Amino acid sequence: MKTIALINDPVRWAALLGTKSEGYWIKRGERMACALLADMARNVPAYKKHLADFHIRLPKKPGMRDFLSAPIIGKDSYLRKYSLTDLCWMGSLTGMPRIVSATSGSTGDPFYFPRSQEQDLQYAAVAEMYLRSNFSIHTKSTLFIVGWGMGVWIGGVFSYAAIRIVAERGKYPLSIITPGTSSDEILKAVQKFAPLYDQIIIGGYPPMIKDLIDEGERRGMEWKKSHVKFIFSAEGFSEAFRTYVIKHAGLLHEYTDTLNHYGSVDLGTMAHETPLAILVRRLAVKNPVLNEALFGQKHNQPTLAQYIPELFYFEADSGNLLCTARSGIPLVRYDLMDTGGILTFKEMQKVFAAYGVNLDAEIKKAGIAATVWNIPFVYLFERRDFTVKIFGANIYPQEIRRALEAVRFRKVLTGKHTAEAYYDQQMNQSWNVHVELQKNSKSSALLMREIQAQIISELTEHNSEFANNLKSMGERRMTPNVFCWPYGSPPHFSSSGKHKWVRKT
């Protein structure tokens, strides 16, 4: 059965994911990857030039050996090297209707990613499958609240398009409202519509959802009576965070009432949490030795998701994640700049068995057997590009550095800093900027307030994601805590070794 036929029949696809073997789906993924390689070599001008630069000539029907010999590509080595038109099929950006999304522009000019209806239909198919398996949209009247940014960024508009396709194609009792990141508008929608629907699904960035729940409690809302569920995107979170959401929002099912996506503007939504992935994660967090056996680290917990290989074919290359997909701009062996790995379902079962845990028995105990798909897992810890992510907005060291280089700070600051995002004990997200003073300079409350103001000004002007969040969520949530440190003082500053602009906590 061709992929396009499955995309147009998600209900059948979901059934097949539960009955066909994992090996069957991986083989389909390999065929897609090889076919895409051949197609790009013929019909994407930029990729044709790129292969020529590496003196690579492909056979008419390349196999996996040819695929694995293809060069790894990235933003700088490929996307920024060629014109946007040359990166598209047949060298044409205007040959078909497209929706264009953009990065925030934090590393310079924004990079624009066009996508066609093909990507919307892919996402809609996957969304329909998990909306049925997790949230039973075929039996419950549902309001989907799109709480991601609704501007040029991919999250809100892409999700709206996919959910609308699901509602219309499947004739589900599914409605959509698009308040974006405005917590006040989301809360108004919940209060207005909760009595009218069986359930409300709220999509948004994890820290924004946390703030939303807390603000609702402050207003006296009884979340449990609203029958809410949550879908997250843009960043990872701990199982302690999920437990907080479950408890304070009155969720009933720990494995099916929340779901996190793994996606990017480059490729769209590549993978998502399944009930099985959440179960694996919650079992691993209780057993650091098992966590290390699965993910290579005892205490750090990665985002864990499952993916359909014929839509997004993942590889792990020395701890770096690569992905191959048709996408808006077709990409082969694209470096996602994420640290992580892949595990097959069979490998997962073997690791659990080696540590005395019967995963099949745990699945039955959790009551999620009907939702299990025979497809591989991808896990990721963090991006390698030195960003700090605040409410879904990527913040780069050079942006903060520009703020610290303002004329009024030149005599008191070196320009070096370390940024970090964290969750406090109440699971509120915040962020710190540690700033290095010049020798013989002294800190003051006034100086720290001036630095805060300059950082906010710089980010508002040059980072569209941050500016959007600032407008919708307010200055209090987005303003960093600033700490001034004497010159060369550890742990943030030292004269030895390479300076770390970002600290991962």
Protein backbone atom coordinates (compact mmCIF):
# COMPACT_ATOMS: atom_id res chain seq x y z
CA MET A 1 0.00 0.00 0.00
CA LYS A 2 1.43 3.37 -1.02
CA THR A 3 2.16 6.04 1.59
CA ILE A 4 -0.26 8.50 0.01
CA ALA A 5 -3.07 5.96 0.38
CA LEU A 6 -2.26 5.57 4.09
CA ILE A 7 -2.12 9.35 4.53
CA ASN A 8 -5.63 9.53 3.10
CA ASP A 9 -6.89 6.73 5.37
CA PRO A 10 -5.43 7.36 8.87
CA VAL A 11 -7.87 5.00 10.61
CA ARG A 12 -6.64 2.07 8.55
CA TRP A 13 -3.04 3.23 8.96
CA ALA A 14 -3.35 3.22 12.76
CA ALA A 15 -4.73 -0.33 12.64
CA LEU A 16 -1.80 -1.46 10.49
CA LEU A 17 0.73 0.21 12.82
CA GLY A 18 -0.60 -2.04 15.56
CA THR A 19 -0.53 -5.27 13.53
CA LYS A 20 2.32 -5.09 11.00
CA SER A 21 5.82 -5.77 12.34
CA GLU A 22 8.29 -3.04 13.19
CA GLY A 23 10.65 -4.47 10.56
CA TYR A 24 7.98 -3.92 7.92
CA TRP A 25 7.73 -0.20 8.76
CA ILE A 26 11.51 0.26 8.94
CA LYS A 27 11.89 -1.30 5.48
CA ARG A 28 9.27 1.11 4.13
CA GLY A 29 11.30 3.93 5.66
CA GLU A 30 14.47 2.74 3.99
CA ARG A 31 12.75 2.58 0.61
CA MET A 32 11.44 6.12 1.09
CA ALA A 33 14.91 7.39 2.04
CA CYS A 34 16.57 5.82 -1.02
CA ALA A 35 13.83 7.00 -3.38
CA LEU A 36 14.04 10.55 -1.99
CA LEU A 37 17.82 10.54 -2.46
CA ALA A 38 17.41 9.61 -6.13
CA ASP A 39 14.59 12.10 -6.65
CA MET A 40 16.55 14.97 -5.12
CA ALA A 41 19.66 14.12 -7.13
CA ARG A 42 17.60 14.51 -10.30
CA ASN A 43 15.13 17.27 -9.46
CA VAL A 44 16.57 19.60 -6.78
CA PRO A 45 19.23 21.90 -8.32
CA ALA A 46 20.96 22.66 -5.02
CA TYR A 47 21.30 19.00 -4.10
CA LYS A 48 22.53 18.11 -7.58
CA LYS A 49 25.30 20.73 -7.16
CA HIS A 50 26.00 19.53 -3.63
CA LEU A 51 26.56 15.93 -4.72
CA ALA A 52 28.80 17.15 -7.55
CA ASP A 53 30.93 19.07 -5.03
CA PHE A 54 31.48 15.76 -3.20
CA HIS A 55 32.16 13.95 -6.52
CA ILE A 56 29.24 11.60 -5.86
CA ARG A 57 27.46 9.91 -8.76
CA LEU A 58 24.48 7.83 -7.79
CA PRO A 59 23.12 4.78 -9.59
CA LYS A 60 19.66 5.02 -11.09
CA LYS A 61 18.16 3.15 -8.13
CA PRO A 62 20.36 3.83 -5.09
CA GLY A 63 20.29 1.40 -2.17
CA MET A 64 20.96 1.87 1.52
CA ARG A 65 24.73 1.67 0.97
CA ASP A 66 24.47 4.64 -1.40
CA PHE A 67 22.16 6.43 1.01
CA LEU A 68 24.58 6.04 3.92
CA SER A 69 27.39 7.37 1.72
CA ALA A 70 25.48 10.58 0.96
CA PRO A 71 26.88 13.68 2.71
CA ILE A 72 25.33 14.91 5.93
CA ILE A 73 23.80 18.34 5.33
CA GLY A 74 22.93 21.21 7.66
CA LYS A 75 21.84 24.83 7.74
CA ASP A 76 25.27 26.27 7.00
CA SER A 77 26.62 23.49 4.78
CA TYR A 78 23.51 23.27 2.60
CA LEU A 79 20.50 25.51 3.29
CA ARG A 80 22.42 28.80 3.53
CA LYS A 81 24.81 27.79 0.77
CA TYR A 82 22.20 27.85 -2.01
CA SER A 83 19.30 30.03 -3.04
CA LEU A 84 15.84 29.23 -1.71
CA THR A 85 14.56 28.47 -5.22
CA ASP A 86 17.40 26.02 -5.91
CA LEU A 87 16.56 24.17 -2.68
CA CYS A 88 13.02 23.48 -3.95
CA TRP A 89 11.77 20.83 -6.33
CA MET A 90 12.62 21.69 -9.97
CA GLY A 91 14.22 24.92 -8.75
CA SER A 92 10.83 26.57 -8.31
CA LEU A 93 9.38 28.21 -5.23
CA THR A 94 6.27 29.43 -7.02
CA GLY A 95 5.25 26.33 -8.96
CA MET A 96 2.68 25.26 -6.36
CA PRO A 97 0.72 26.83 -3.50
CA ARG A 98 2.82 27.07 -0.36
CA ILE A 99 2.65 28.27 3.22
CA VAL A 100 5.88 29.84 4.44
CA SER A 101 7.17 29.65 8.01
CA ALA A 102 10.34 31.20 9.40
CA THR A 103 12.89 30.85 12.12
CA SER A 104 13.01 33.71 14.61
CA GLY A 105 15.98 35.32 12.89
CA SER A 106 18.11 34.97 16.00
CA THR A 107 21.25 33.94 14.13
CA GLY A 108 20.95 36.73 11.59
CA ASP A 109 18.32 36.97 8.89
CA PRO A 110 15.34 34.64 9.37
CA PHE A 111 15.41 31.47 7.28
CA TYR A 112 12.16 30.79 5.47
CA PHE A 113 10.78 27.28 5.05
CA PRO A 114 8.01 26.82 2.48
CA ARG A 115 5.68 23.84 2.73
CA SER A 116 2.95 22.52 0.49
CA GLN A 117 -0.33 20.78 1.18
CA GLU A 118 1.60 17.51 1.20
CA GLN A 119 3.09 18.36 4.60
CA ASP A 120 -0.27 19.51 5.98
CA LEU A 121 -1.84 16.21 4.92
CA GLN A 122 0.99 14.20 6.50
CA TYR A 123 0.66 16.00 9.81
CA ALA A 124 -3.13 15.75 9.65
CA ALA A 125 -2.92 11.98 9.18
CA VAL A 126 -0.65 11.51 12.20
CA ALA A 127 -2.69 13.97 14.26
CA GLU A 128 -5.92 12.14 13.41
CA MET A 129 -4.37 8.87 14.57
CA TYR A 130 -3.26 10.18 17.96
CA LEU A 131 -6.37 12.30 18.46
CA ARG A 132 -8.41 9.11 18.11
CA SER A 133 -6.15 6.81 20.15
CA ASN A 134 -5.38 9.27 22.96
CA PHE A 135 -8.36 11.58 23.02
CA SER A 136 -11.21 9.61 21.41
CA ILE A 137 -12.32 12.47 19.17
CA HIS A 138 -14.54 10.03 17.25
CA THR A 139 -16.74 9.56 20.34
CA LYS A 140 -16.36 12.89 22.20
CA SER A 141 -17.28 16.42 21.15
CA THR A 142 -14.02 18.34 21.31
CA LEU A 143 -12.77 21.92 21.27
CA PHE A 144 -9.14 22.22 20.20
CA ILE A 145 -7.50 25.42 21.48
CA VAL A 146 -4.46 26.38 19.41
CA GLY A 147 -2.21 28.06 21.99
CA TRP A 148 0.97 28.27 19.93
CA GLY A 149 2.16 31.48 18.28
CA MET A 150 -0.07 32.31 15.31
CA GLY A 151 2.39 34.45 13.36
CA VAL A 152 5.02 33.44 10.81
CA TRP A 153 6.24 30.66 13.13
CA ILE A 154 5.29 27.12 12.29
CA GLY A 155 3.59 25.92 15.50
CA GLY A 156 0.23 27.65 15.48
CA VAL A 157 -0.62 27.89 11.78
CA PHE A 158 0.67 24.39 10.96
CA SER A 159 -1.36 22.88 13.81
CA TYR A 160 -4.48 24.84 12.85
CA ALA A 161 -4.24 23.63 9.24
CA ALA A 162 -3.80 19.99 10.27
CA ILE A 163 -6.59 19.98 12.86
CA ARG A 164 -8.95 21.63 10.41
CA ILE A 165 -8.23 18.89 7.85
CA VAL A 166 -8.88 16.26 10.54
CA ALA A 167 -12.20 17.83 11.52
CA GLU A 168 -13.47 18.26 7.98
CA ARG A 169 -12.21 15.02 6.43
CA GLY A 170 -13.22 12.76 9.30
CA LYS A 171 -16.49 14.58 10.01
CA TYR A 172 -15.63 14.60 13.71
CA PRO A 173 -17.47 16.74 16.29
CA LEU A 174 -14.27 18.79 16.51
CA SER A 175 -14.13 22.60 16.71
CA ILE A 176 -11.09 24.89 16.73
CA ILE A 177 -10.33 28.26 18.34
CA THR A 178 -7.04 30.12 17.81
CA PRO A 179 -6.19 32.53 20.65
CA GLY A 180 -2.45 31.97 20.21
CA THR A 181 -0.28 32.46 23.28
CA SER A 182 -2.69 34.75 25.13
CA SER A 183 -3.39 33.05 28.45
CA ASP A 184 -6.29 35.38 29.15
CA GLU A 185 -8.02 34.48 25.88
CA ILE A 186 -7.41 30.76 26.42
CA LEU A 187 -8.90 30.90 29.91
CA LYS A 188 -11.92 32.79 28.60
CA ALA A 189 -12.42 30.10 25.97
CA VAL A 190 -12.19 27.31 28.53
CA GLN A 191 -14.72 28.97 30.83
CA LYS A 192 -17.09 29.74 27.96
CA PHE A 193 -16.99 26.41 26.14
CA ALA A 194 -16.24 23.76 28.80
CA PRO A 195 -19.96 23.21 29.54
CA LEU A 196 -20.67 22.77 25.82
CA TYR A 197 -18.08 20.11 24.91
CA ASP A 198 -17.17 16.68 26.25
CA GLN A 199 -13.52 17.73 26.37
CA ILE A 200 -11.13 20.57 25.59
CA ILE A 201 -7.65 19.96 24.18
CA ILE A 202 -5.20 22.81 24.71
CA GLY A 203 -2.06 22.93 22.57
CA GLY A 204 0.83 25.11 23.70
CA TYR A 205 4.38 25.48 24.96
CA PRO A 206 5.00 23.57 28.23
CA PRO A 207 5.84 26.58 30.47
CA MET A 208 2.89 28.52 29.02
CA ILE A 209 0.57 25.62 29.86
CA LYS A 210 1.95 25.58 33.40
CA ASP A 211 1.29 29.31 33.80
CA LEU A 212 -2.18 28.81 32.36
CA ILE A 213 -3.05 26.14 34.91
CA ASP A 214 -1.72 28.26 37.79
CA GLU A 215 -3.57 31.37 36.65
CA GLY A 216 -6.78 29.37 36.31
CA GLU A 217 -6.39 28.16 39.90
CA ARG A 218 -5.82 31.73 41.08
CA ARG A 219 -9.07 32.71 39.37
CA GLY A 220 -10.92 29.95 41.14
CA MET A 221 -11.36 27.69 38.12
CA GLU A 222 -12.05 24.03 38.75
CA TRP A 223 -9.94 22.50 36.00
CA LYS A 224 -11.24 18.98 36.56
CA LYS A 225 -14.78 20.07 35.62
CA SER A 226 -13.48 21.47 32.32
CA HIS A 227 -12.28 18.03 31.13
CA VAL A 228 -9.08 19.45 29.64
CA LYS A 229 -6.23 17.56 27.96
CA PHE A 230 -2.90 18.96 26.77
CA ILE A 231 -0.67 18.73 23.70
CA PHE A 232 2.81 20.26 24.00
CA SER A 233 5.41 21.37 21.47
CA ALA A 234 8.75 23.18 21.11
CA GLU A 235 10.65 21.83 24.12
CA GLY A 236 11.09 18.93 26.48
CA PHE A 237 10.10 18.64 30.12
CA SER A 238 10.52 16.27 33.04
CA GLU A 239 8.09 13.67 34.29
CA ALA A 240 7.84 15.79 37.45
CA PHE A 241 6.44 18.52 35.21
CA ARG A 242 3.91 16.11 33.70
CA THR A 243 2.87 14.95 37.17
CA TYR A 244 2.34 18.58 38.18
CA VAL A 245 0.11 19.16 35.15
CA ILE A 246 -1.86 15.96 35.80
CA LYS A 247 -2.44 16.87 39.44
CA HIS A 248 -3.29 20.55 39.11
CA ALA A 249 -5.40 20.24 35.96
CA GLY A 250 -7.29 17.26 37.33
CA LEU A 251 -6.33 14.90 34.50
CA LEU A 252 -7.57 11.34 34.82
CA HIS A 253 -5.18 9.34 32.60
CA GLU A 254 -1.43 9.79 33.01
CA TYR A 255 -0.57 8.07 29.70
CA THR A 256 -3.18 9.51 27.34
CA ASP A 257 -4.18 12.97 28.60
CA THR A 258 -0.88 14.65 27.66
CA LEU A 259 1.29 14.39 24.55
CA ASN A 260 4.49 16.13 23.47
CA HIS A 261 5.66 16.68 19.89
CA TYR A 262 9.16 16.56 18.48
CA GLY A 263 9.30 18.98 15.59
CA SER A 264 11.16 21.85 13.99
CA VAL A 265 10.46 24.59 11.48
CA ASP A 266 12.88 22.82 9.12
CA LEU A 267 10.90 19.58 8.90
CA GLY A 268 7.60 20.08 10.72
CA THR A 269 6.25 17.56 13.25
CA MET A 270 8.57 14.56 13.03
CA ALA A 271 7.53 12.42 15.99
CA HIS A 272 5.30 12.50 19.05
CA GLU A 273 4.86 10.89 22.42
CA THR A 274 2.67 7.82 22.48
CA PRO A 275 1.20 6.28 25.64
CA LEU A 276 3.94 3.66 25.34
CA ALA A 277 6.68 6.31 25.16
CA ILE A 278 5.30 8.00 28.30
CA LEU A 279 5.14 4.64 30.10
CA VAL A 280 8.78 3.89 29.18
CA ARG A 281 9.85 7.32 30.38
CA ARG A 282 7.99 7.07 33.69
CA LEU A 283 9.44 3.62 34.36
CA ALA A 284 12.95 4.80 33.48
CA VAL A 285 12.82 7.84 35.77
CA LYS A 286 12.25 5.52 38.73
CA ASN A 287 15.34 3.49 37.86
CA PRO A 288 18.48 5.51 36.99
CA VAL A 289 20.37 2.36 35.97
CA LEU A 290 17.62 1.48 33.49
CA ASN A 291 17.57 5.10 32.30
CA GLU A 292 21.31 4.90 31.60
CA ALA A 293 20.93 1.57 29.77
CA LEU A 294 18.26 3.09 27.53
CA PHE A 295 19.58 6.59 26.95
CA GLY A 296 23.23 6.60 28.05
CA GLN A 297 22.71 8.92 31.02
CA LYS A 298 21.60 8.11 34.56
CA HIS A 299 19.77 11.24 35.59
CA ASN A 300 19.08 13.31 32.48
CA GLN A 301 15.78 12.40 30.93
CA PRO A 302 15.37 12.92 27.19
CA THR A 303 12.23 13.62 25.26
CA LEU A 304 11.10 10.22 23.97
CA ALA A 305 8.80 9.85 20.97
CA GLN A 306 7.84 7.35 18.28
CA TYR A 307 8.05 8.07 14.56
CA ILE A 308 6.78 6.62 11.29
CA PRO A 309 9.92 5.86 9.23
CA GLU A 310 8.36 6.39 5.79
CA LEU A 311 7.48 9.97 6.75
CA PHE A 312 10.62 10.81 8.72
CA TYR A 313 13.63 8.52 8.55
CA PHE A 314 15.94 9.07 11.53
CA GLU A 315 19.59 8.15 11.99
CA ALA A 316 21.91 8.54 14.96
CA ASP A 317 25.43 9.60 13.98
CA SER A 318 27.83 9.69 16.95
CA GLY A 319 25.07 10.98 19.23
CA ASN A 320 23.76 13.46 16.65
CA LEU A 321 20.29 13.09 15.17
CA LEU A 322 19.83 13.15 11.40
CA CYS A 323 16.50 13.10 9.58
CA THR A 324 15.43 12.46 5.99
CA ALA A 325 12.04 13.67 4.74
CA ARG A 326 10.33 15.23 1.74
CA SER A 327 9.41 18.22 3.87
CA GLY A 328 8.77 21.68 2.40
CA ILE A 329 12.40 21.80 1.35
CA PRO A 330 13.34 18.14 0.75
CA LEU A 331 16.21 17.05 2.98
CA VAL A 332 18.41 13.93 3.06
CA ARG A 333 20.53 13.11 6.12
CA TYR A 334 19.84 16.54 7.60
CA ASP A 335 21.62 17.38 10.86
CA LEU A 336 18.92 18.50 13.30
CA MET A 337 21.53 19.87 15.74
CA ASP A 338 19.97 17.69 18.43
CA THR A 339 21.80 15.27 20.71
CA GLY A 340 20.11 11.92 21.10
CA GLY A 341 19.58 8.52 19.52
CA ILE A 342 17.15 5.98 18.15
CA LEU A 343 15.89 2.71 19.62
CA THR A 344 13.77 0.08 17.96
CA PHE A 345 10.81 -1.32 19.86
CA LYS A 346 12.62 -4.68 19.99
CA GLU A 347 15.74 -3.07 21.46
CA MET A 348 13.57 -1.33 24.03
CA GLN A 349 11.99 -4.63 25.08
CA LYS A 350 15.40 -6.32 25.36
CA VAL A 351 16.79 -3.58 27.62
CA PHE A 352 13.78 -3.80 29.92
CA ALA A 353 14.04 -7.60 30.05
CA ALA A 354 17.75 -7.37 30.91
CA TYR A 355 16.82 -5.31 33.97
CA GLY A 356 14.04 -7.62 35.08
CA VAL A 357 11.11 -5.60 33.74
CA ASN A 358 8.51 -7.24 31.49
CA LEU A 359 7.50 -4.34 29.26
CA ASP A 360 4.53 -6.22 27.80
CA ALA A 361 3.19 -6.82 31.30
CA GLU A 362 3.66 -3.14 32.17
CA ILE A 363 1.74 -2.17 29.03
CA LYS A 364 -1.20 -4.34 30.06
CA LYS A 365 -1.04 -3.05 33.63
CA ALA A 366 -1.18 0.54 32.35
CA GLY A 367 -4.21 -0.28 30.18
CA ILE A 368 -2.63 1.02 26.96
CA ALA A 369 -2.30 -2.20 24.91
CA ALA A 370 -4.79 -0.95 22.31
CA THR A 371 -2.65 2.14 21.61
CA VAL A 372 0.68 0.38 20.98
CA TRP A 373 2.27 0.92 17.54
CA ASN A 374 5.11 -1.24 16.22
CA ILE A 375 7.42 1.59 15.22
CA PRO A 376 10.82 2.83 16.48
CA PHE A 377 11.65 5.47 19.07
CA VAL A 378 13.73 8.63 18.82
CA TYR A 379 15.08 10.41 21.91
CA LEU A 380 16.76 13.78 22.28
CA PHE A 381 18.42 15.60 25.14
CA GLU A 382 19.18 19.09 23.90
CA ARG A 383 20.15 21.17 20.91
CA ARG A 384 23.81 21.61 20.16
CA ASP A 385 23.45 25.20 19.01
CA PHE A 386 23.80 26.93 22.38
CA THR A 387 20.25 28.20 22.58
CA VAL A 388 18.25 28.83 25.71
CA LYS A 389 14.56 28.13 25.15
CA ILE A 390 12.05 30.27 27.07
CA PHE A 391 8.37 29.57 26.50
CA GLY A 392 9.23 28.10 23.10
CA ALA A 393 11.43 31.04 22.02
CA ASN A 394 15.06 30.28 21.13
CA ILE A 395 17.46 32.84 22.60
CA TYR A 396 21.01 32.95 21.29
CA PRO A 397 24.22 34.08 23.03
CA GLN A 398 24.94 36.76 20.44
CA GLU A 399 21.64 38.48 21.19
CA ILE A 400 22.50 38.83 24.86
CA ARG A 401 26.06 39.76 23.97
CA ARG A 402 24.79 42.64 21.83
CA ALA A 403 22.78 43.93 24.78
CA LEU A 404 25.81 43.79 27.07
CA GLU A 405 27.93 45.64 24.53
CA ALA A 406 25.78 48.76 24.73
CA VAL A 407 27.90 51.89 25.19
CA ARG A 408 26.76 52.50 28.78
CA PHE A 409 28.08 49.06 29.85
CA ARG A 410 31.44 49.08 28.12
CA LYS A 411 33.35 50.36 31.14
CA VAL A 412 31.81 47.94 33.64
CA LEU A 413 31.10 44.67 31.76
CA THR A 414 33.37 42.33 29.78
CA GLY A 415 30.51 41.13 27.55
CA LYS A 416 30.89 37.54 28.72
CA HIS A 417 27.80 35.90 30.16
CA THR A 418 26.18 32.54 30.85
CA ALA A 419 22.46 32.00 30.30
CA GLU A 420 20.37 29.19 31.78
CA ALA A 421 16.70 28.21 31.81
CA TYR A 422 15.23 26.25 34.69
CA TYR A 423 12.07 25.19 36.49
CA ASP A 424 11.65 26.00 40.17
CA GLN A 425 10.04 23.68 42.75
CA GLN A 426 6.58 24.91 41.72
CA MET A 427 7.44 24.01 38.09
CA ASN A 428 7.50 27.66 36.94
CA GLN A 429 9.92 28.30 34.11
CA SER A 430 12.36 31.17 34.41
CA TRP A 431 15.82 32.07 33.22
CA ASN A 432 19.03 33.58 34.51
CA VAL A 433 21.76 35.62 32.87
CA HIS A 434 25.07 35.62 34.73
CA VAL A 435 27.21 38.59 33.68
CA GLU A 436 30.93 39.13 34.19
CA LEU A 437 32.11 42.48 35.57
CA GLN A 438 35.33 44.08 34.47
CA LYS A 439 38.17 44.18 36.97
CA ASN A 440 37.56 46.65 39.77
CA SER A 441 33.92 47.15 38.73
CA LYS A 442 31.16 46.69 41.28
CA SER A 443 27.61 45.43 41.01
CA SER A 444 24.52 47.33 42.07
CA ALA A 445 20.76 46.86 41.95
CA LEU A 446 20.55 49.74 39.46
CA LEU A 447 23.11 48.12 37.13
CA MET A 448 21.27 44.80 37.13
CA ARG A 449 17.96 46.52 36.34
CA GLU A 450 19.61 48.40 33.45
CA ILE A 451 21.03 45.13 32.08
CA GLN A 452 17.60 43.49 32.30
CA ALA A 453 16.02 46.38 30.40
CA GLN A 454 18.69 46.29 27.70
CA ILE A 455 18.31 42.52 27.19
CA ILE A 456 14.54 42.87 26.89
CA SER A 457 14.97 45.73 24.41
CA GLU A 458 17.46 43.80 22.28
CA LEU A 459 15.37 40.63 22.17
CA THR A 460 12.14 42.50 21.48
CA GLU A 461 13.75 44.21 18.49
CA HIS A 462 15.61 41.28 16.97
CA ASN A 463 13.87 38.05 18.09
CA SER A 464 10.32 37.75 16.77
CA GLU A 465 9.47 34.67 18.87
CA PHE A 466 10.52 36.45 22.05
CA ALA A 467 8.69 39.64 21.08
CA ASN A 468 5.49 37.69 20.45
CA ASN A 469 5.75 35.97 23.85
CA LEU A 470 6.49 39.26 25.58
CA LYS A 471 3.38 40.80 24.08
CA SER A 472 1.09 37.91 24.93
CA MET A 473 2.51 36.78 28.29
CA GLY A 474 3.91 39.95 29.77
CA GLU A 475 7.29 41.24 30.86
CA ARG A 476 7.29 39.53 34.25
CA ARG A 477 7.42 36.03 32.77
CA MET A 478 9.95 36.82 30.05
CA THR A 479 12.43 39.01 31.99
CA PRO A 480 15.62 37.21 33.05
CA ASN A 481 17.09 37.29 36.52
CA VAL A 482 20.43 39.06 36.16
CA PHE A 483 23.42 38.35 38.39
CA CYS A 484 26.70 40.25 38.20
CA TRP A 485 29.87 38.36 39.09
CA PRO A 486 33.41 39.61 39.76
CA TYR A 487 35.87 39.20 36.92
CA GLY A 488 37.04 35.59 36.42
CA SER A 489 35.00 34.16 39.27
CA PRO A 490 33.79 30.55 39.00
CA PRO A 491 31.60 28.70 38.31
CA HIS A 492 30.45 30.86 35.39
CA PHE A 493 33.70 32.60 34.49
CA SER A 494 37.25 31.39 34.32
CA SER A 495 40.40 32.24 32.42
CA SER A 496 41.04 28.57 31.66
CA GLY A 497 39.18 26.61 29.00
CA LYS A 498 36.47 27.59 26.55
CA HIS A 499 33.73 29.84 27.91
CA LYS A 500 30.27 28.29 28.11
CA TRP A 501 27.67 30.79 26.95
CA VAL A 502 24.80 28.49 27.87
CA ARG A 503 24.46 26.32 30.92
CA LYS A 504 22.14 23.32 30.71
CA THR A 505 20.49 22.52 34.03
